[in-house]
Amino acid sequence: MTDAEPQPTADAPAVAAAAGWRNAVNISFFSDLLQSIADRGRSMIMSGRGGTAKDLAGLCGDLLSSRGEASGVALAREILDRYDALEDAAKAAFLRELVQRFGAEPAALEKAIAAYREKPDHRTLLDLHKAAEPRRQELIRRLNLSPGGTLRLVRMREELFRHQADLPELEALDADFQHLFSSWFNRGFLVLRPIDWSTPANILEKIIRYEAVHAIESWDDLRRRLQPADRRCFAFFHPQIVDEPLIFVEVALTAEIPAGIGPLLAEDRSVIDPRQATTAVFYSISNCQEGLRGISFGNFLIKQVVEELARQLPALKNFVTLSPAPTFASWLARERRNEASQALTDEDKGVLDALDAQGWTQDAVRLPAVRRVLMEAAAYYYLRAKTPGGRPVDPVARFHLGNGARLERLNWLGDVSPKGLKQAHGLMVNYLYDLDDIEKNHEAFVNKGRVAAASGVRNALRSDLPSREVVPLQ
């Protein structure tokens, strides 16, 4: 056995996992059947058009007017194949053509508006709704008929993101993608699967590639995260993208809430009996598909994994994260430059000058003062600093607090890797998912903007700062 070719074991979880992957193979049969239809129907396509963005948009018009199933599947495949062959500039031009040529039909929309104004009932409202839908949405639905069309459309949206800054009109096309993807990737379609050392190697390779929080350096590193008895990993899959994880979470089973990532990932750490664990630590949550940005299913992943772990291991009492603070260092840098900062005094700024020195974490003389000021600033960052919309500035905080977690603890030098020091000066955070309080915390955050925080976090906030409402620890 090689690291690149992990083999299944004979235990029950592995057998169940293998059955899941066999089901995925069965799904691929239908994909192969669709591929056959596309191949047979391809001969029906007129191939006289060239390969420019306008030519490709013309084929899209043909697809919208097509009524035959085989010809539609074949034409959808032909369009996506030609699109994939375009250079980046031509892809951008094609996406722009979709915006300009495949919006709602103005005449039909005006007629529907007039009919609704004359007789505002359910029938005219339905006609208005149909007339207002951009033709791009039906085009995207038909492109999805192509073999592998779902993933190829996700990749097309990735391409859209790369050009959106220069072509703001692509926002309309992105809205179409987001509308359709929100339905196609509805939680009801997603499948939760455990990822372990018996998972097919092509999936494991993607876990390595997509890990976005704590890089997996090698197959041995991956083995240390999957194979030990006190480690778990789960991922969401979509039945039309059977070999591409959408999002995955890595879990460590521990005897206490951890304050740093180093001990969790250490090569020489001691493995504990899962039955003795009291805490499940979600230490890495990675979204795998950039083209699904803004399509939220991470909250469903956490809730389902909590339920699964609680069922498997009834002794677990705590469900926590060990989370990065990806924008803390950049926020702190702005506050240090801000002469009118409410988070830092001039004295604080002088203390934090130590952060500019190489190897500041080893400066035993200055470190205590740096720790005090940095942790006070971190409390302000999480409890007071807001976006223009009134939400916490930290994106990870918005995610977990919005899912009903409580801000449990701020961890000094929790991640001293180069990445951890660069993005957060080593700061890491624990969010606690208390099953009894999730709904209450979620409602308080979403409806009133309240941040549920433990007393230790609140006590780190300097008392002379302006008061704002923070939900105390009950």
Protein backbone atom coordinates (compact mmCIF):
# COMPACT_ATOMS: atom_id res chain seq x y z
CA MET A 1 0.00 0.00 0.00
CA THR A 2 1.27 3.46 -0.85
CA ASP A 3 0.25 6.78 0.64
CA ALA A 4 -1.37 7.74 -2.63
CA GLU A 5 -3.48 4.56 -2.68
CA PRO A 6 -5.16 4.12 0.71
CA GLN A 7 -7.04 0.84 1.09
CA PRO A 8 -10.31 0.27 2.96
CA THR A 9 -10.28 -1.44 6.34
CA ALA A 10 -12.80 -4.01 7.47
CA ASP A 11 -14.48 -2.04 10.25
CA ALA A 12 -18.15 -1.02 10.07
CA PRO A 13 -17.61 2.71 9.38
CA ALA A 14 -15.31 1.88 6.48
CA VAL A 15 -17.85 -0.56 5.05
CA ALA A 16 -20.57 2.06 5.30
CA ALA A 17 -18.32 4.64 3.66
CA ALA A 18 -17.49 2.22 0.85
CA ALA A 19 -21.21 1.70 0.27
CA GLY A 20 -21.61 5.45 -0.06
CA TRP A 21 -18.92 5.63 -2.70
CA ARG A 22 -20.54 2.68 -4.56
CA ASN A 23 -23.78 4.68 -4.67
CA ALA A 24 -21.80 7.52 -6.18
CA VAL A 25 -20.53 5.14 -8.85
CA ASN A 26 -24.14 4.14 -9.62
CA ILE A 27 -24.98 7.80 -10.14
CA SER A 28 -22.10 8.03 -12.59
CA PHE A 29 -23.89 5.41 -14.75
CA PHE A 30 -26.58 7.96 -15.52
CA SER A 31 -23.92 10.53 -16.30
CA ASP A 32 -22.40 8.07 -18.77
CA LEU A 33 -25.83 7.55 -20.30
CA LEU A 34 -26.23 11.31 -20.70
CA GLN A 35 -22.78 11.46 -22.25
CA SER A 36 -23.88 8.85 -24.82
CA ILE A 37 -26.95 10.92 -25.69
CA ALA A 38 -24.75 13.97 -26.15
CA ASP A 39 -22.35 12.09 -28.41
CA ARG A 40 -25.15 10.78 -30.59
CA GLY A 41 -26.88 14.13 -30.82
CA ARG A 42 -23.73 16.06 -31.56
CA SER A 43 -23.95 15.15 -35.21
CA MET A 44 -27.20 17.15 -35.37
CA ILE A 45 -25.43 20.43 -34.56
CA MET A 46 -24.65 22.89 -37.30
CA SER A 47 -20.90 23.41 -37.07
CA GLY A 48 -20.62 26.33 -39.45
CA ARG A 49 -20.15 28.95 -36.76
CA GLY A 50 -16.68 30.05 -35.72
CA GLY A 51 -15.20 30.25 -32.28
CA THR A 52 -15.70 33.88 -31.25
CA ALA A 53 -17.73 35.04 -28.26
CA LYS A 54 -20.48 36.27 -30.60
CA ASP A 55 -20.54 32.94 -32.43
CA LEU A 56 -20.88 31.13 -29.13
CA ALA A 57 -23.68 33.45 -28.05
CA GLY A 58 -25.41 32.55 -31.32
CA LEU A 59 -25.26 28.88 -30.35
CA CYS A 60 -26.83 29.83 -27.02
CA GLY A 61 -29.72 31.35 -28.96
CA ASP A 62 -30.06 28.06 -30.83
CA LEU A 63 -30.11 26.17 -27.54
CA LEU A 64 -32.94 28.33 -26.20
CA SER A 65 -34.99 27.69 -29.33
CA SER A 66 -34.17 23.95 -29.40
CA ARG A 67 -37.00 21.56 -28.53
CA GLY A 68 -35.39 18.16 -29.01
CA GLU A 69 -33.85 16.50 -25.94
CA ALA A 70 -30.94 14.83 -27.73
CA SER A 71 -30.07 17.90 -29.77
CA GLY A 72 -30.39 20.09 -26.66
CA VAL A 73 -28.00 17.91 -24.65
CA ALA A 74 -25.53 17.80 -27.52
CA LEU A 75 -25.75 21.54 -28.14
CA ALA A 76 -25.25 22.31 -24.44
CA ARG A 77 -22.12 20.17 -24.44
CA GLU A 78 -20.85 21.82 -27.62
CA ILE A 79 -21.30 25.30 -26.11
CA LEU A 80 -19.48 24.38 -22.90
CA ASP A 81 -16.68 22.65 -24.81
CA ARG A 82 -16.17 25.70 -27.01
CA TYR A 83 -16.37 28.00 -24.00
CA ASP A 84 -13.66 26.01 -22.19
CA ALA A 85 -11.41 26.35 -25.24
CA LEU A 86 -11.61 30.17 -25.25
CA GLU A 87 -8.84 32.41 -23.96
CA ASP A 88 -9.59 34.45 -20.82
CA ALA A 89 -10.42 37.64 -22.74
CA ALA A 90 -12.80 35.78 -25.04
CA LYS A 91 -14.48 34.14 -22.02
CA ALA A 92 -15.06 37.57 -20.52
CA ALA A 93 -16.50 38.78 -23.83
CA PHE A 94 -18.83 35.77 -23.95
CA LEU A 95 -20.09 36.39 -20.41
CA ARG A 96 -20.75 39.98 -21.38
CA GLU A 97 -22.70 38.78 -24.44
CA LEU A 98 -24.92 36.73 -22.13
CA VAL A 99 -25.76 39.86 -20.14
CA GLN A 100 -26.47 41.97 -23.20
CA ARG A 101 -28.38 39.46 -25.34
CA PHE A 102 -30.26 37.23 -22.93
CA GLY A 103 -32.07 39.46 -20.47
CA ALA A 104 -35.84 39.71 -20.14
CA GLU A 105 -37.74 40.46 -23.36
CA PRO A 106 -38.72 44.18 -23.05
CA ALA A 107 -41.89 43.90 -25.14
CA ALA A 108 -43.17 40.86 -23.25
CA LEU A 109 -42.33 42.50 -19.93
CA GLU A 110 -44.16 45.73 -20.82
CA LYS A 111 -47.19 43.71 -21.92
CA ALA A 112 -47.19 41.73 -18.68
CA ILE A 113 -46.87 44.89 -16.58
CA ALA A 114 -49.80 46.48 -18.39
CA ALA A 115 -51.92 43.34 -17.97
CA TYR A 116 -51.19 43.19 -14.24
CA ARG A 117 -52.04 46.87 -13.78
CA GLU A 118 -55.33 46.35 -15.57
CA LYS A 119 -56.22 43.17 -13.67
CA PRO A 120 -53.93 42.41 -10.67
CA ASP A 121 -54.78 38.77 -9.99
CA HIS A 122 -52.76 35.58 -9.55
CA ARG A 123 -52.75 34.81 -13.27
CA THR A 124 -51.38 38.17 -14.42
CA LEU A 125 -48.91 38.14 -11.53
CA LEU A 126 -47.62 34.75 -12.66
CA ASP A 127 -47.33 36.02 -16.25
CA LEU A 128 -45.42 39.06 -14.97
CA HIS A 129 -43.06 36.83 -13.00
CA LYS A 130 -42.34 34.72 -16.09
CA ALA A 131 -41.80 37.78 -18.29
CA ALA A 132 -39.42 39.37 -15.77
CA GLU A 133 -37.11 36.34 -15.63
CA PRO A 134 -33.98 36.90 -17.74
CA ARG A 135 -33.66 34.38 -20.56
CA ARG A 136 -30.17 33.71 -19.17
CA GLN A 137 -31.70 31.64 -16.40
CA GLU A 138 -33.36 29.25 -18.83
CA LEU A 139 -30.13 29.16 -20.82
CA ILE A 140 -28.18 28.15 -17.72
CA ARG A 141 -30.77 25.45 -16.97
CA ARG A 142 -30.34 24.03 -20.47
CA LEU A 143 -26.55 24.20 -20.29
CA ASN A 144 -26.87 22.11 -17.16
CA LEU A 145 -28.19 19.28 -19.36
CA SER A 146 -24.67 18.72 -20.64
CA PRO A 147 -22.74 15.81 -19.11
CA GLY A 148 -20.90 17.27 -16.14
CA GLY A 149 -22.77 20.52 -16.75
CA THR A 150 -23.29 21.41 -13.09
CA LEU A 151 -19.60 21.51 -12.25
CA ARG A 152 -18.77 23.27 -15.52
CA LEU A 153 -21.26 26.01 -14.68
CA VAL A 154 -19.73 26.36 -11.21
CA ARG A 155 -16.38 26.85 -12.95
CA MET A 156 -17.98 29.42 -15.28
CA ARG A 157 -19.05 31.44 -12.25
CA GLU A 158 -15.46 31.29 -10.98
CA GLU A 159 -14.40 32.84 -14.28
CA LEU A 160 -17.07 35.51 -13.85
CA PHE A 161 -15.55 36.52 -10.50
CA ARG A 162 -12.19 37.11 -12.18
CA HIS A 163 -13.70 39.67 -14.57
CA GLN A 164 -16.38 41.30 -12.44
CA ALA A 165 -14.18 44.16 -11.22
CA ASP A 166 -13.54 45.27 -14.82
CA LEU A 167 -17.03 44.42 -16.07
CA PRO A 168 -19.52 45.45 -13.37
CA GLU A 169 -22.42 44.60 -15.67
CA LEU A 170 -21.63 40.93 -14.98
CA GLU A 171 -23.39 41.44 -11.64
CA ALA A 172 -26.65 40.65 -13.43
CA LEU A 173 -25.32 37.30 -14.65
CA ASP A 174 -23.94 36.54 -11.19
CA ALA A 175 -27.41 37.16 -9.74
CA ASP A 176 -28.78 34.54 -12.16
CA PHE A 177 -26.15 32.01 -11.12
CA GLN A 178 -26.75 32.69 -7.45
CA HIS A 179 -30.53 32.34 -7.84
CA LEU A 180 -30.22 28.98 -9.60
CA PHE A 181 -27.38 27.59 -7.48
CA SER A 182 -29.32 28.37 -4.30
CA SER A 183 -31.94 25.88 -5.53
CA TRP A 184 -29.61 23.33 -7.10
CA PHE A 185 -27.43 23.16 -3.99
CA ASN A 186 -30.30 23.17 -1.54
CA ARG A 187 -29.52 21.27 1.66
CA GLY A 188 -32.00 18.58 0.64
CA PHE A 189 -29.75 17.59 -2.28
CA LEU A 190 -26.49 17.46 -0.33
CA VAL A 191 -25.02 14.26 1.04
CA LEU A 192 -22.84 14.18 4.17
CA ARG A 193 -20.04 11.63 3.93
CA PRO A 194 -17.25 10.79 6.36
CA ILE A 195 -13.75 11.22 4.94
CA ASP A 196 -11.21 8.74 6.27
CA TRP A 197 -8.17 6.80 5.16
CA SER A 198 -10.39 4.37 3.19
CA THR A 199 -11.87 7.19 1.06
CA PRO A 200 -10.85 6.97 -2.63
CA ALA A 201 -7.49 8.57 -3.31
CA ASN A 202 -8.86 11.06 -5.85
CA ILE A 203 -11.10 12.52 -3.14
CA LEU A 204 -8.26 12.59 -0.60
CA GLU A 205 -6.07 14.44 -3.08
CA LYS A 206 -8.73 17.13 -3.32
CA ILE A 207 -8.93 17.40 0.48
CA ILE A 208 -5.21 18.20 0.43
CA ARG A 209 -5.64 20.71 -2.38
CA TYR A 210 -8.71 22.48 -1.00
CA GLU A 211 -7.59 22.77 2.64
CA ALA A 212 -7.77 26.53 3.14
CA VAL A 213 -7.04 27.05 6.85
CA HIS A 214 -4.11 24.85 7.86
CA ALA A 215 -2.21 23.56 4.83
CA ILE A 216 -1.78 19.80 4.50
CA GLU A 217 1.88 19.36 3.62
CA SER A 218 1.96 15.72 2.52
CA TRP A 219 0.12 12.42 2.46
CA ASP A 220 1.65 11.62 5.82
CA ASP A 221 0.25 14.88 7.16
CA LEU A 222 -3.18 13.94 5.79
CA ARG A 223 -2.92 10.50 7.38
CA ARG A 224 -2.33 12.12 10.78
CA ARG A 225 -5.55 14.09 10.34
CA LEU A 226 -7.71 11.17 9.20
CA GLN A 227 -6.44 7.84 10.48
CA PRO A 228 -6.09 8.23 14.29
CA ALA A 229 -9.09 7.18 16.36
CA ASP A 230 -9.50 10.68 17.81
CA ARG A 231 -9.83 12.39 14.43
CA ARG A 232 -12.84 12.85 12.16
CA CYS A 233 -13.52 14.55 8.84
CA PHE A 234 -16.84 15.11 7.07
CA ALA A 235 -17.74 16.60 3.71
CA PHE A 236 -20.83 17.60 1.78
CA PHE A 237 -21.23 16.26 -1.76
CA HIS A 238 -23.80 16.93 -4.48
CA PRO A 239 -25.21 13.99 -6.49
CA GLN A 240 -24.29 15.70 -9.77
CA ILE A 241 -20.70 16.31 -8.63
CA VAL A 242 -19.93 12.99 -6.97
CA ASP A 243 -16.14 13.31 -6.82
CA GLU A 244 -15.88 16.97 -5.81
CA PRO A 245 -16.36 17.93 -2.13
CA LEU A 246 -18.27 21.18 -1.69
CA ILE A 247 -17.16 21.90 1.88
CA PHE A 248 -15.44 19.83 4.54
CA VAL A 249 -14.68 20.08 8.23
CA GLU A 250 -11.81 18.52 10.16
CA VAL A 251 -12.54 17.51 13.76
CA ALA A 252 -10.28 16.68 16.69
CA LEU A 253 -11.64 14.80 19.71
CA THR A 254 -9.98 16.13 22.86
CA ALA A 255 -10.25 16.12 26.65
CA GLU A 256 -10.48 19.91 26.87
CA ILE A 257 -11.06 23.04 24.80
CA PRO A 258 -7.74 23.77 23.02
CA ALA A 259 -6.07 27.19 23.01
CA GLY A 260 -3.74 26.63 20.06
CA ILE A 261 -3.45 24.72 16.82
CA GLY A 262 0.12 23.49 17.30
CA PRO A 263 -0.63 20.69 19.80
CA LEU A 264 -3.58 19.47 17.71
CA LEU A 265 -1.43 18.97 14.60
CA ALA A 266 1.85 17.93 16.26
CA GLU A 267 3.42 14.80 14.78
CA ASP A 268 4.31 13.43 18.22
CA ARG A 269 0.99 14.10 19.94
CA SER A 270 -0.66 11.36 22.02
CA VAL A 271 -3.82 9.81 20.59
CA ILE A 272 -6.69 9.53 23.06
CA ASP A 273 -9.52 7.01 23.23
CA PRO A 274 -12.54 8.70 21.56
CA ARG A 275 -14.74 7.35 24.35
CA GLN A 276 -12.75 9.47 26.82
CA ALA A 277 -13.12 12.66 24.78
CA THR A 278 -15.35 15.41 26.14
CA THR A 279 -14.83 17.96 23.37
CA ALA A 280 -15.21 17.93 19.58
CA VAL A 281 -13.04 20.64 18.03
CA PHE A 282 -13.85 21.94 14.54
CA TYR A 283 -10.38 23.20 13.71
CA SER A 284 -10.69 23.66 9.94
CA ILE A 285 -13.69 24.36 7.72
CA SER A 286 -12.83 24.71 4.03
CA ASN A 287 -15.10 25.74 1.17
CA CYS A 288 -13.89 23.88 -1.89
CA GLN A 289 -15.70 25.51 -4.81
CA GLU A 290 -15.05 29.21 -5.40
CA GLY A 291 -17.91 29.21 -7.91
CA LEU A 292 -20.32 28.53 -5.03
CA ARG A 293 -19.27 31.61 -3.09
CA GLY A 294 -22.30 33.08 -1.32
CA ILE A 295 -24.23 29.79 -1.48
CA SER A 296 -24.38 29.00 2.22
CA PHE A 297 -24.36 25.40 3.33
CA GLY A 298 -21.60 25.58 5.94
CA ASN A 299 -24.13 26.08 8.72
CA PHE A 300 -25.93 22.87 7.72
CA LEU A 301 -22.62 21.04 7.71
CA ILE A 302 -21.77 22.03 11.29
CA LYS A 303 -25.22 21.24 12.65
CA GLN A 304 -25.34 17.84 10.98
CA VAL A 305 -21.82 16.93 12.10
CA VAL A 306 -22.66 17.95 15.69
CA GLU A 307 -25.71 15.68 15.57
CA GLU A 308 -23.69 12.82 14.08
CA LEU A 309 -20.89 13.09 16.65
CA ALA A 310 -23.34 13.38 19.54
CA ARG A 311 -25.01 10.20 18.34
CA GLN A 312 -21.74 8.30 17.95
CA LEU A 313 -20.08 9.57 21.14
CA PRO A 314 -22.61 10.43 23.87
CA ALA A 315 -19.80 11.45 26.27
CA LEU A 316 -19.09 14.59 24.20
CA LYS A 317 -20.16 17.70 26.09
CA ASN A 318 -18.51 20.55 24.19
CA PHE A 319 -18.67 21.36 20.50
CA VAL A 320 -16.24 24.16 19.75
CA THR A 321 -14.18 25.63 16.96
CA LEU A 322 -10.55 26.65 16.96
CA SER A 323 -10.88 29.45 14.45
CA PRO A 324 -8.55 31.90 12.73
CA ALA A 325 -9.03 35.68 12.81
CA PRO A 326 -8.25 36.38 9.15
CA THR A 327 -8.71 40.16 9.16
CA PHE A 328 -7.53 41.03 12.68
CA ALA A 329 -4.00 42.12 11.72
CA SER A 330 -5.19 44.33 8.85
CA TRP A 331 -7.87 45.91 11.09
CA LEU A 332 -5.32 46.51 13.86
CA ALA A 333 -2.92 48.13 11.38
CA ARG A 334 -5.63 50.60 10.35
CA GLU A 335 -6.40 51.40 13.99
CA ARG A 336 -2.72 52.01 14.69
CA ARG A 337 -2.67 54.55 11.86
CA ASN A 338 -5.98 56.11 12.87
CA GLU A 339 -5.36 59.24 14.96
CA ALA A 340 -8.96 59.16 16.18
CA SER A 341 -9.03 55.44 17.02
CA GLN A 342 -11.55 54.46 19.69
CA ALA A 343 -9.89 51.07 20.10
CA LEU A 344 -6.31 52.18 20.86
CA THR A 345 -4.78 54.98 22.91
CA ASP A 346 -1.50 56.60 21.90
CA GLU A 347 0.16 54.55 24.63
CA ASP A 348 -1.37 51.37 23.21
CA LYS A 349 0.00 52.23 19.78
CA GLY A 350 3.47 52.67 21.25
CA VAL A 351 3.28 49.24 22.88
CA LEU A 352 2.13 47.64 19.62
CA ASP A 353 5.15 49.04 17.77
CA ALA A 354 6.80 45.85 18.99
CA LEU A 355 4.74 43.93 16.40
CA ASP A 356 6.85 45.48 13.65
CA ALA A 357 10.03 43.80 14.88
CA GLN A 358 11.16 40.46 13.49
CA GLY A 359 10.73 37.72 16.08
CA TRP A 360 8.59 39.85 18.41
CA THR A 361 7.08 36.74 19.99
CA GLN A 362 10.49 35.98 21.54
CA ASP A 363 10.93 39.41 23.18
CA ALA A 364 10.44 38.44 26.82
CA VAL A 365 10.75 42.04 28.06
CA ARG A 366 8.06 43.61 25.88
CA LEU A 367 5.79 40.57 25.46
CA PRO A 368 3.63 40.99 28.62
CA ALA A 369 2.62 44.54 27.65
CA VAL A 370 2.03 43.50 24.04
CA ARG A 371 -0.18 40.65 25.21
CA ARG A 372 -2.30 42.93 27.42
CA VAL A 373 -2.89 45.53 24.68
CA LEU A 374 -3.36 42.99 21.92
CA MET A 375 -5.99 41.03 23.84
CA GLU A 376 -7.85 44.24 24.76
CA ALA A 377 -7.79 45.21 21.09
CA ALA A 378 -9.02 41.74 20.12
CA ALA A 379 -11.99 42.08 22.49
CA TYR A 380 -12.82 45.42 20.88
CA TYR A 381 -12.43 43.88 17.42
CA TYR A 382 -14.99 41.17 18.16
CA LEU A 383 -17.43 43.08 20.36
CA ARG A 384 -17.35 46.65 19.04
CA ALA A 385 -15.86 46.88 15.53
CA LYS A 386 -18.65 46.76 12.95
CA THR A 387 -19.14 46.82 9.20
CA PRO A 388 -21.25 49.65 7.72
CA GLY A 389 -24.16 47.21 7.97
CA GLY A 390 -23.68 46.82 11.71
CA ARG A 391 -22.20 43.30 11.67
CA PRO A 392 -18.87 42.16 13.15
CA VAL A 393 -15.96 42.97 10.85
CA ASP A 394 -14.50 39.47 11.13
CA PRO A 395 -15.98 37.15 8.43
CA VAL A 396 -15.42 33.99 10.48
CA ALA A 397 -17.21 35.60 13.42
CA ARG A 398 -20.17 36.50 11.20
CA PHE A 399 -20.39 32.89 10.05
CA HIS A 400 -20.29 31.23 13.48
CA LEU A 401 -22.31 33.84 15.37
CA GLY A 402 -24.91 33.75 12.61
CA ASN A 403 -25.13 29.99 13.11
CA GLY A 404 -25.87 30.40 16.82
CA ALA A 405 -22.42 29.92 18.34
CA ARG A 406 -21.11 31.85 21.32
CA LEU A 407 -17.79 33.70 21.29
CA GLU A 408 -16.15 31.61 24.00
CA ARG A 409 -12.46 32.50 24.28
CA LEU A 410 -9.69 34.59 22.73
CA ASN A 411 -6.43 32.65 22.48
CA TRP A 412 -3.10 34.48 22.70
CA LEU A 413 -0.54 33.09 20.21
CA GLY A 414 -2.85 30.25 19.28
CA ASP A 415 -1.26 30.02 15.81
CA VAL A 416 2.41 31.01 15.55
CA SER A 417 2.81 29.75 11.98
CA PRO A 418 3.91 32.40 9.45
CA LYS A 419 0.33 32.60 8.16
CA GLY A 420 -1.14 32.88 11.65
CA LEU A 421 1.25 35.66 12.64
CA LYS A 422 0.71 37.55 9.39
CA GLN A 423 -3.08 37.56 9.39
CA ALA A 424 -3.81 37.71 13.14
CA HIS A 425 -0.57 38.20 15.13
CA GLY A 426 -1.14 34.63 16.33
CA LEU A 427 -4.68 35.23 17.64
CA MET A 428 -7.15 32.34 17.49
CA VAL A 429 -10.72 32.09 18.77
CA ASN A 430 -12.99 29.42 20.23
CA TYR A 431 -16.67 29.53 19.29
CA LEU A 432 -18.92 27.27 21.37
CA TYR A 433 -21.95 25.52 19.90
CA ASP A 434 -24.23 24.91 22.89
CA LEU A 435 -27.14 22.81 21.63
CA ASP A 436 -29.49 24.45 24.15
CA ASP A 437 -28.62 28.01 23.08
CA ILE A 438 -28.02 27.81 19.33
CA GLU A 439 -31.48 29.03 18.32
CA LYS A 440 -31.54 31.82 20.91
CA ASN A 441 -28.08 33.07 19.93
CA HIS A 442 -28.93 32.89 16.23
CA GLU A 443 -32.12 34.92 16.64
CA ALA A 444 -30.39 37.54 18.83
CA PHE A 445 -27.59 37.98 16.29
CA VAL A 446 -29.69 38.01 13.12
CA ASN A 447 -32.55 40.15 14.42
CA LYS A 448 -30.76 42.50 16.84
CA GLY A 449 -27.08 42.23 15.97
CA ARG A 450 -26.21 40.96 19.44
CA VAL A 451 -22.96 39.08 19.92
CA ALA A 452 -23.25 36.22 22.39
CA ALA A 453 -19.97 36.23 24.31
CA ALA A 454 -18.59 34.49 27.39
CA SER A 455 -17.59 36.53 30.42
CA GLY A 456 -13.89 36.01 29.76
CA VAL A 457 -14.19 37.77 26.40
CA ARG A 458 -16.30 40.59 27.81
CA ASN A 459 -13.89 41.10 30.70
CA ALA A 460 -11.00 41.56 28.26
CA LEU A 461 -12.69 44.69 26.91
CA ARG A 462 -11.43 47.89 28.51
CA SER A 463 -14.01 49.44 30.82
CA ASP A 464 -13.50 52.99 29.49
CA LEU A 465 -14.83 52.14 26.02
CA PRO A 466 -18.33 53.18 24.86
CA SER A 467 -20.94 50.64 25.90
CA ARG A 468 -22.82 48.61 23.32
CA GLU A 469 -25.11 45.69 23.84
CA VAL A 470 -23.44 42.28 24.11
CA VAL A 471 -25.31 39.18 25.22
CA PRO A 472 -23.72 38.00 28.50
CA LEU A 473 -22.95 34.43 29.39
CA GLN A 474 -26.04 32.96 31.05
